[in-house]
């Protein structure tokens, strides 16, 4: 499990997450004593809402139970999680909502910004500016492709993702703001590790800090089936 120092930039200035909401979430979450167990964290409606309405989150996989995973592009354990989850996603045994965060160096921000999809408003602006017609599905597929490139080209010696750390995408400033928003969601849970898994059974949410010891395949069969 990789410890990270999340860079929370201008929380009060940006006003993206009201301080009252952050405090409410932290009050509702029971911190895990054992990082490798699935931990009951109650019915945190604020957290559920922010995850479900995160404009830069994207879901991959067509069938299977849904989990949300916070990933840093420079995190070696996130890399291992993706590689273990990929066969499950490809065979319809798992769906994964990806939320990119950045805490492992400045390059994390730009790599993450090169991965996340455009929000609907950004996609409309992009299509209008370039006179194109990129669909929402194409937008998400491109993000999944970029994430896989990052993981396939991962540099284990330097612990750096393989995608470029130079962001030249359309409206890159707004993309960076989306990463800051994602950082704030993760920070509001009082968690400083990636990967961070959030999943729901009924109306109850659970979390796993880090890569499950038993591996993703065994963990999915044990906890989600």
C-alpha atoms as a PDB file:
ATOM      1  CA  UNK A   1       0.000   0.000   0.000  1.00  0.00           C
ATOM      2  CA  UNK A   2       1.392   3.364  -0.990  1.00  0.00           C
ATOM      3  CA  UNK A   3       1.285   6.300   1.407  1.00  0.00           C
ATOM      4  CA  UNK A   4       0.677   9.591  -0.313  1.00  0.00           C
ATOM      5  CA  UNK A   5       0.568  13.199   0.755  1.00  0.00           C
ATOM      6  CA  UNK A   6      -2.472  14.592  -0.962  1.00  0.00           C
ATOM      7  CA  UNK A   7      -1.979  18.087  -2.284  1.00  0.00           C
ATOM      8  CA  UNK A   8      -5.167  19.933  -1.378  1.00  0.00           C
ATOM      9  CA  UNK A   9      -4.992  23.191  -3.288  1.00  0.00           C
ATOM     10  CA  UNK A  10      -7.285  26.056  -2.388  1.00  0.00           C
ATOM     11  CA  UNK A  11     -10.139  24.061  -0.863  1.00  0.00           C
ATOM     12  CA  UNK A  12     -11.887  27.058   0.640  1.00  0.00           C
ATOM     13  CA  UNK A  13     -11.115  29.271  -2.387  1.00  0.00           C
ATOM     14  CA  UNK A  14     -12.429  26.763  -4.889  1.00  0.00           C
ATOM     15  CA  UNK A  15     -15.489  26.049  -2.777  1.00  0.00           C
ATOM     16  CA  UNK A  16     -15.983  22.742  -4.549  1.00  0.00           C
ATOM     17  CA  UNK A  17     -16.769  20.796  -1.408  1.00  0.00           C
ATOM     18  CA  UNK A  18     -18.374  22.786   1.419  1.00  0.00           C
ATOM     19  CA  UNK A  19     -16.552  22.382   4.696  1.00  0.00           C
ATOM     20  CA  UNK A  20     -19.808  21.241   6.326  1.00  0.00           C
ATOM     21  CA  UNK A  21     -20.023  18.338   3.853  1.00  0.00           C
ATOM     22  CA  UNK A  22     -16.426  17.300   4.478  1.00  0.00           C
ATOM     23  CA  UNK A  23     -16.959  17.366   8.236  1.00  0.00           C
ATOM     24  CA  UNK A  24     -20.153  15.363   7.878  1.00  0.00           C
ATOM     25  CA  UNK A  25     -18.397  12.675   5.867  1.00  0.00           C
ATOM     26  CA  UNK A  26     -15.526  12.404   8.339  1.00  0.00           C
ATOM     27  CA  UNK A  27     -17.956  12.098  11.222  1.00  0.00           C
ATOM     28  CA  UNK A  28     -19.771   9.244   9.472  1.00  0.00           C
ATOM     29  CA  UNK A  29     -16.721   7.191   8.550  1.00  0.00           C
ATOM     30  CA  UNK A  30     -15.307   4.657  10.970  1.00  0.00           C
ATOM     31  CA  UNK A  31     -11.555   4.506  10.409  1.00  0.00           C
ATOM     32  CA  UNK A  32     -10.193   1.033   9.770  1.00  0.00           C
ATOM     33  CA  UNK A  33      -7.836  -0.558  12.252  1.00  0.00           C
ATOM     34  CA  UNK A  34      -6.976  -3.301   9.788  1.00  0.00           C
ATOM     35  CA  UNK A  35      -6.199  -1.834   6.395  1.00  0.00           C
ATOM     36  CA  UNK A  36      -6.735  -5.109   4.566  1.00  0.00           C
ATOM     37  CA  UNK A  37     -10.246  -5.849   5.812  1.00  0.00           C
ATOM     38  CA  UNK A  38     -13.465  -4.600   4.265  1.00  0.00           C
ATOM     39  CA  UNK A  39     -14.622  -1.950   6.666  1.00  0.00           C
ATOM     40  CA  UNK A  40     -18.192  -0.881   7.379  1.00  0.00           C
ATOM     41  CA  UNK A  41     -18.419   2.895   7.054  1.00  0.00           C
ATOM     42  CA  UNK A  42     -22.130   3.427   7.348  1.00  0.00           C
ATOM     43  CA  UNK A  43     -24.620   5.192   5.103  1.00  0.00           C
ATOM     44  CA  UNK A  44     -22.586   8.242   4.116  1.00  0.00           C
ATOM     45  CA  UNK A  45     -25.018   9.888   1.739  1.00  0.00           C
ATOM     46  CA  UNK A  46     -22.679  12.818   1.108  1.00  0.00           C
ATOM     47  CA  UNK A  47     -19.880  10.536  -0.031  1.00  0.00           C
ATOM     48  CA  UNK A  48     -22.241   8.441  -2.162  1.00  0.00           C
ATOM     49  CA  UNK A  49     -23.557  11.571  -3.841  1.00  0.00           C
ATOM     50  CA  UNK A  50     -20.109  12.989  -4.584  1.00  0.00           C
ATOM     51  CA  UNK A  51     -18.889   9.691  -6.043  1.00  0.00           C
ATOM     52  CA  UNK A  52     -22.011   9.184  -8.160  1.00  0.00           C
ATOM     53  CA  UNK A  53     -21.926  12.738  -9.508  1.00  0.00           C
ATOM     54  CA  UNK A  54     -18.180  13.108  -9.976  1.00  0.00           C
ATOM     55  CA  UNK A  55     -17.905  14.610 -13.495  1.00  0.00           C
ATOM     56  CA  UNK A  56     -14.500  13.040 -14.217  1.00  0.00           C
ATOM     57  CA  UNK A  57     -15.291   9.516 -12.970  1.00  0.00           C
ATOM     58  CA  UNK A  58     -15.797   6.852 -15.610  1.00  0.00           C
ATOM     59  CA  UNK A  59     -17.110   3.296 -15.461  1.00  0.00           C
ATOM     60  CA  UNK A  60     -15.528   0.395 -17.336  1.00  0.00           C
ATOM     61  CA  UNK A  61     -17.016  -3.061 -17.764  1.00  0.00           C
ATOM     62  CA  UNK A  62     -20.472  -4.053 -18.952  1.00  0.00           C
ATOM     63  CA  UNK A  63     -21.517  -6.597 -16.313  1.00  0.00           C
ATOM     64  CA  UNK A  64     -20.812  -7.648 -12.762  1.00  0.00           C
ATOM     65  CA  UNK A  65     -20.795  -5.881  -9.391  1.00  0.00           C
ATOM     66  CA  UNK A  66     -19.670  -2.252  -9.335  1.00  0.00           C
ATOM     67  CA  UNK A  67     -16.785  -0.934  -7.252  1.00  0.00           C
ATOM     68  CA  UNK A  68     -15.312   2.566  -7.096  1.00  0.00           C
ATOM     69  CA  UNK A  69     -11.519   2.817  -7.069  1.00  0.00           C
ATOM     70  CA  UNK A  70      -9.430   5.919  -6.383  1.00  0.00           C
ATOM     71  CA  UNK A  71      -6.217   5.613  -8.402  1.00  0.00           C
ATOM     72  CA  UNK A  72      -3.009   7.640  -8.676  1.00  0.00           C
ATOM     73  CA  UNK A  73      -1.238   7.274 -12.045  1.00  0.00           C
ATOM     74  CA  UNK A  74       2.149   6.983 -10.280  1.00  0.00           C
ATOM     75  CA  UNK A  75       0.999   4.379  -7.728  1.00  0.00           C
ATOM     76  CA  UNK A  76       2.574   0.950  -8.202  1.00  0.00           C
ATOM     77  CA  UNK A  77      -0.171  -0.783  -6.187  1.00  0.00           C
ATOM     78  CA  UNK A  78      -2.813   0.883  -8.357  1.00  0.00           C
ATOM     79  CA  UNK A  79      -0.954  -0.584 -11.315  1.00  0.00           C
ATOM     80  CA  UNK A  80      -1.150  -4.052  -9.792  1.00  0.00           C
ATOM     81  CA  UNK A  81      -4.853  -3.606  -9.035  1.00  0.00           C
ATOM     82  CA  UNK A  82      -5.623  -2.678 -12.651  1.00  0.00           C
ATOM     83  CA  UNK A  83      -3.676  -5.667 -13.973  1.00  0.00           C
ATOM     84  CA  UNK A  84      -5.477  -8.037 -11.595  1.00  0.00           C
ATOM     85  CA  UNK A  85      -8.908  -6.501 -12.278  1.00  0.00           C
ATOM     86  CA  UNK A  86      -8.579  -6.409 -16.070  1.00  0.00           C
ATOM     87  CA  UNK A  87      -9.436 -10.119 -16.684  1.00  0.00           C
ATOM     88  CA  UNK A  88     -12.495  -9.751 -14.434  1.00  0.00           C
ATOM     89  CA  UNK A  89     -13.633  -6.652 -16.322  1.00  0.00           C
ATOM     90  CA  UNK A  90     -13.050  -8.256 -19.716  1.00  0.00           C
ATOM     91  CA  UNK A  91     -15.086 -11.355 -18.785  1.00  0.00           C
ATOM     92  CA  UNK A  92     -18.051  -9.463 -17.326  1.00  0.00           C
ATOM     93  CA  UNK A  93     -17.320 -10.326 -13.693  1.00  0.00           C
ATOM     94  CA  UNK A  94     -16.626  -6.780 -12.506  1.00  0.00           C
ATOM     95  CA  UNK A  95     -17.445  -3.169 -13.278  1.00  0.00           C
ATOM     96  CA  UNK A  96     -15.154  -0.455 -12.006  1.00  0.00           C
ATOM     97  CA  UNK A  97     -15.781   3.249 -11.530  1.00  0.00           C
ATOM     98  CA  UNK A  98     -12.409   4.973 -11.826  1.00  0.00           C
ATOM     99  CA  UNK A  99     -11.672   8.204  -9.955  1.00  0.00           C
ATOM    100  CA  UNK A 100      -8.210   9.585 -10.682  1.00  0.00           C
ATOM    101  CA  UNK A 101      -6.370  11.420  -7.906  1.00  0.00           C
ATOM    102  CA  UNK A 102      -2.896  12.942  -7.701  1.00  0.00           C
ATOM    103  CA  UNK A 103      -0.599  12.827  -4.704  1.00  0.00           C
ATOM    104  CA  UNK A 104       2.652  11.214  -5.832  1.00  0.00           C
ATOM    105  CA  UNK A 105       4.516  14.161  -7.245  1.00  0.00           C
ATOM    106  CA  UNK A 106       3.594  16.982  -9.580  1.00  0.00           C
ATOM    107  CA  UNK A 107       3.549  14.649 -12.566  1.00  0.00           C
ATOM    108  CA  UNK A 108       0.578  12.793 -11.029  1.00  0.00           C
ATOM    109  CA  UNK A 109      -1.630  15.801 -11.767  1.00  0.00           C
ATOM    110  CA  UNK A 110      -0.735  15.997 -15.433  1.00  0.00           C
ATOM    111  CA  UNK A 111      -0.825  12.249 -15.997  1.00  0.00           C
ATOM    112  CA  UNK A 112      -4.253  12.058 -14.349  1.00  0.00           C
ATOM    113  CA  UNK A 113      -5.452  14.997 -16.455  1.00  0.00           C
ATOM    114  CA  UNK A 114      -4.349  13.097 -19.560  1.00  0.00           C
ATOM    115  CA  UNK A 115      -6.503  10.132 -18.493  1.00  0.00           C
ATOM    116  CA  UNK A 116      -9.838  11.475 -17.236  1.00  0.00           C
ATOM    117  CA  UNK A 117     -12.747  11.982 -19.646  1.00  0.00           C
ATOM    118  CA  UNK A 118     -14.174  15.374 -20.464  1.00  0.00           C
ATOM    119  CA  UNK A 119     -17.252  16.286 -18.464  1.00  0.00           C
ATOM    120  CA  UNK A 120     -20.412  16.690 -20.517  1.00  0.00           C
ATOM    121  CA  UNK A 121     -20.013  20.489 -20.674  1.00  0.00           C
ATOM    122  CA  UNK A 122     -16.355  20.145 -21.650  1.00  0.00           C
ATOM    123  CA  UNK A 123     -17.253  17.584 -24.324  1.00  0.00           C
ATOM    124  CA  UNK A 124     -19.822  19.962 -25.812  1.00  0.00           C
ATOM    125  CA  UNK A 125     -17.250  22.777 -25.830  1.00  0.00           C
ATOM    126  CA  UNK A 126     -14.666  20.446 -27.388  1.00  0.00           C
ATOM    127  CA  UNK A 127     -16.997  19.319 -30.175  1.00  0.00           C
ATOM    128  CA  UNK A 128     -18.059  22.895 -30.898  1.00  0.00           C
ATOM    129  CA  UNK A 129     -14.488  24.198 -30.919  1.00  0.00           C
ATOM    130  CA  UNK A 130     -13.125  21.501 -33.233  1.00  0.00           C
ATOM    131  CA  UNK A 131     -16.380  20.936 -35.145  1.00  0.00           C
ATOM    132  CA  UNK A 132     -16.434  17.260 -34.183  1.00  0.00           C
ATOM    133  CA  UNK A 133     -18.979  14.796 -32.837  1.00  0.00           C
ATOM    134  CA  UNK A 134     -17.287  12.690 -30.169  1.00  0.00           C
ATOM    135  CA  UNK A 135     -19.895  10.721 -28.236  1.00  0.00           C
ATOM    136  CA  UNK A 136     -19.921  10.172 -24.485  1.00  0.00           C
ATOM    137  CA  UNK A 137     -19.046   6.492 -25.032  1.00  0.00           C
ATOM    138  CA  UNK A 138     -16.066   7.414 -27.212  1.00  0.00           C
ATOM    139  CA  UNK A 139     -15.028   9.889 -24.547  1.00  0.00           C
ATOM    140  CA  UNK A 140     -15.036   7.180 -21.846  1.00  0.00           C
ATOM    141  CA  UNK A 141     -13.383   4.593 -24.092  1.00  0.00           C
ATOM    142  CA  UNK A 142     -10.536   7.031 -24.722  1.00  0.00           C
ATOM    143  CA  UNK A 143     -10.020   7.452 -20.967  1.00  0.00           C
ATOM    144  CA  UNK A 144      -9.900   3.685 -20.425  1.00  0.00           C
ATOM    145  CA  UNK A 145      -7.394   3.374 -23.271  1.00  0.00           C
ATOM    146  CA  UNK A 146      -5.197   6.102 -21.760  1.00  0.00           C
ATOM    147  CA  UNK A 147      -5.326   4.477 -18.332  1.00  0.00           C
ATOM    148  CA  UNK A 148      -4.274   1.131 -19.798  1.00  0.00           C
ATOM    149  CA  UNK A 149      -1.386   2.823 -21.625  1.00  0.00           C
ATOM    150  CA  UNK A 150      -0.310   4.351 -18.324  1.00  0.00           C
ATOM    151  CA  UNK A 151      -0.327   0.945 -16.621  1.00  0.00           C
ATOM    152  CA  UNK A 152       1.208  -1.044 -19.492  1.00  0.00           C
ATOM    153  CA  UNK A 153       4.144   1.374 -19.719  1.00  0.00           C
ATOM    154  CA  UNK A 154       4.546   1.743 -15.962  1.00  0.00           C
ATOM    155  CA  UNK A 155       8.164   2.314 -14.847  1.00  0.00           C
ATOM    156  CA  UNK A 156       8.562   0.165 -11.744  1.00  0.00           C
ATOM    157  CA  UNK A 157      12.086   1.341 -11.005  1.00  0.00           C
ATOM    158  CA  UNK A 158      11.066   4.998 -10.760  1.00  0.00           C
ATOM    159  CA  UNK A 159       7.436   4.287  -9.772  1.00  0.00           C
ATOM    160  CA  UNK A 160       6.011   6.461 -12.515  1.00  0.00           C
ATOM    161  CA  UNK A 161       3.062   5.849 -14.809  1.00  0.00           C
ATOM    162  CA  UNK A 162       3.760   5.476 -18.489  1.00  0.00           C
ATOM    163  CA  UNK A 163       1.509   8.183 -19.900  1.00  0.00           C
ATOM    164  CA  UNK A 164       2.923  11.627 -20.648  1.00  0.00           C
ATOM    165  CA  UNK A 165       3.262  14.129 -17.804  1.00  0.00           C
ATOM    166  CA  UNK A 166       2.716  17.007 -20.254  1.00  0.00           C
ATOM    167  CA  UNK A 167      -0.956  17.798 -20.597  1.00  0.00           C
ATOM    168  CA  UNK A 168      -1.802  19.481 -23.884  1.00  0.00           C
ATOM    169  CA  UNK A 169      -5.458  18.512 -23.972  1.00  0.00           C
ATOM    170  CA  UNK A 170      -8.240  20.952 -24.732  1.00  0.00           C
ATOM    171  CA  UNK A 171      -9.157  22.994 -21.642  1.00  0.00           C
ATOM    172  CA  UNK A 172      -6.385  21.397 -19.541  1.00  0.00           C
ATOM    173  CA  UNK A 173      -6.899  23.893 -16.689  1.00  0.00           C
ATOM    174  CA  UNK A 174     -10.422  22.611 -16.072  1.00  0.00           C
ATOM    175  CA  UNK A 175      -9.122  19.032 -16.172  1.00  0.00           C
ATOM    176  CA  UNK A 176      -6.598  19.869 -13.439  1.00  0.00           C
ATOM    177  CA  UNK A 177      -9.441  21.350 -11.390  1.00  0.00           C
ATOM    178  CA  UNK A 178     -11.307  18.041 -11.742  1.00  0.00           C
ATOM    179  CA  UNK A 179      -8.299  16.202 -10.282  1.00  0.00           C
ATOM    180  CA  UNK A 180      -8.222  18.640  -7.379  1.00  0.00           C
ATOM    181  CA  UNK A 181     -11.907  17.912  -6.796  1.00  0.00           C
ATOM    182  CA  UNK A 182     -11.175  14.171  -6.725  1.00  0.00           C
ATOM    183  CA  UNK A 183      -8.354  14.754  -4.241  1.00  0.00           C
ATOM    184  CA  UNK A 184     -10.788  16.568  -2.003  1.00  0.00           C
ATOM    185  CA  UNK A 185     -13.270  13.690  -2.107  1.00  0.00           C
ATOM    186  CA  UNK A 186     -10.554  11.253  -1.021  1.00  0.00           C
ATOM    187  CA  UNK A 187      -9.201  13.669   1.593  1.00  0.00           C
ATOM    188  CA  UNK A 188     -12.699  14.142   3.020  1.00  0.00           C
ATOM    189  CA  UNK A 189     -12.744  10.431   3.932  1.00  0.00           C
ATOM    190  CA  UNK A 190      -9.559  10.950   5.967  1.00  0.00           C
ATOM    191  CA  UNK A 191      -7.749   8.402   3.785  1.00  0.00           C
ATOM    192  CA  UNK A 192      -4.172   8.930   2.538  1.00  0.00           C
ATOM    193  CA  UNK A 193      -3.629   5.725   0.585  1.00  0.00           C
ATOM    194  CA  UNK A 194      -4.153   4.493  -2.944  1.00  0.00           C
ATOM    195  CA  UNK A 195      -5.666   2.410  -4.272  1.00  0.00           C
ATOM    196  CA  UNK A 196      -8.774   3.038  -2.209  1.00  0.00           C
ATOM    197  CA  UNK A 197     -11.770   0.826  -2.954  1.00  0.00           C
ATOM    198  CA  UNK A 198     -15.349   1.803  -2.114  1.00  0.00           C
ATOM    199  CA  UNK A 199     -18.224  -0.599  -2.698  1.00  0.00           C
ATOM    200  CA  UNK A 200     -21.837  -0.875  -1.663  1.00  0.00           C
ATOM    201  CA  UNK A 201     -23.978  -3.773  -0.530  1.00  0.00           C
ATOM    202  CA  UNK A 202     -27.568  -2.720  -0.144  1.00  0.00           C
ATOM    203  CA  UNK A 203     -27.522   0.703   1.484  1.00  0.00           C
ATOM    204  CA  UNK A 204     -24.265   0.062   3.318  1.00  0.00           C
ATOM    205  CA  UNK A 205     -20.864   1.183   2.070  1.00  0.00           C
ATOM    206  CA  UNK A 206     -17.558  -0.580   2.719  1.00  0.00           C
ATOM    207  CA  UNK A 207     -13.955   0.293   1.922  1.00  0.00           C
ATOM    208  CA  UNK A 208     -10.634  -1.413   1.402  1.00  0.00           C
ATOM    209  CA  UNK A 209      -7.428   0.581   1.875  1.00  0.00           C
ATOM    210  CA  UNK A 210      -4.809  -0.629  -0.579  1.00  0.00           C
ATOM    211  CA  UNK A 211      -4.597  -3.694  -2.774  1.00  0.00           C
ATOM    212  CA  UNK A 212      -6.437  -6.663  -1.178  1.00  0.00           C
ATOM    213  CA  UNK A 213      -3.950  -9.201   0.183  1.00  0.00           C
ATOM    214  CA  UNK A 214      -5.807 -12.095  -1.424  1.00  0.00           C
ATOM    215  CA  UNK A 215      -5.698 -10.477  -4.866  1.00  0.00           C
ATOM    216  CA  UNK A 216      -8.584  -8.938  -6.776  1.00  0.00           C
ATOM    217  CA  UNK A 217     -10.021 -12.191  -8.138  1.00  0.00           C
ATOM    218  CA  UNK A 218     -10.361 -13.870  -4.733  1.00  0.00           C
ATOM    219  CA  UNK A 219     -11.490 -10.625  -3.121  1.00  0.00           C
ATOM    220  CA  UNK A 220     -14.285 -10.108  -5.666  1.00  0.00           C
ATOM    221  CA  UNK A 221     -15.525 -13.683  -5.234  1.00  0.00           C
ATOM    222  CA  UNK A 222     -15.409 -13.385  -1.446  1.00  0.00           C
ATOM    223  CA  UNK A 223     -16.990  -9.981  -0.953  1.00  0.00           C
ATOM    224  CA  UNK A 224     -19.073  -9.211  -4.034  1.00  0.00           C
ATOM    225  CA  UNK A 225     -20.679 -12.523  -4.985  1.00  0.00           C
END
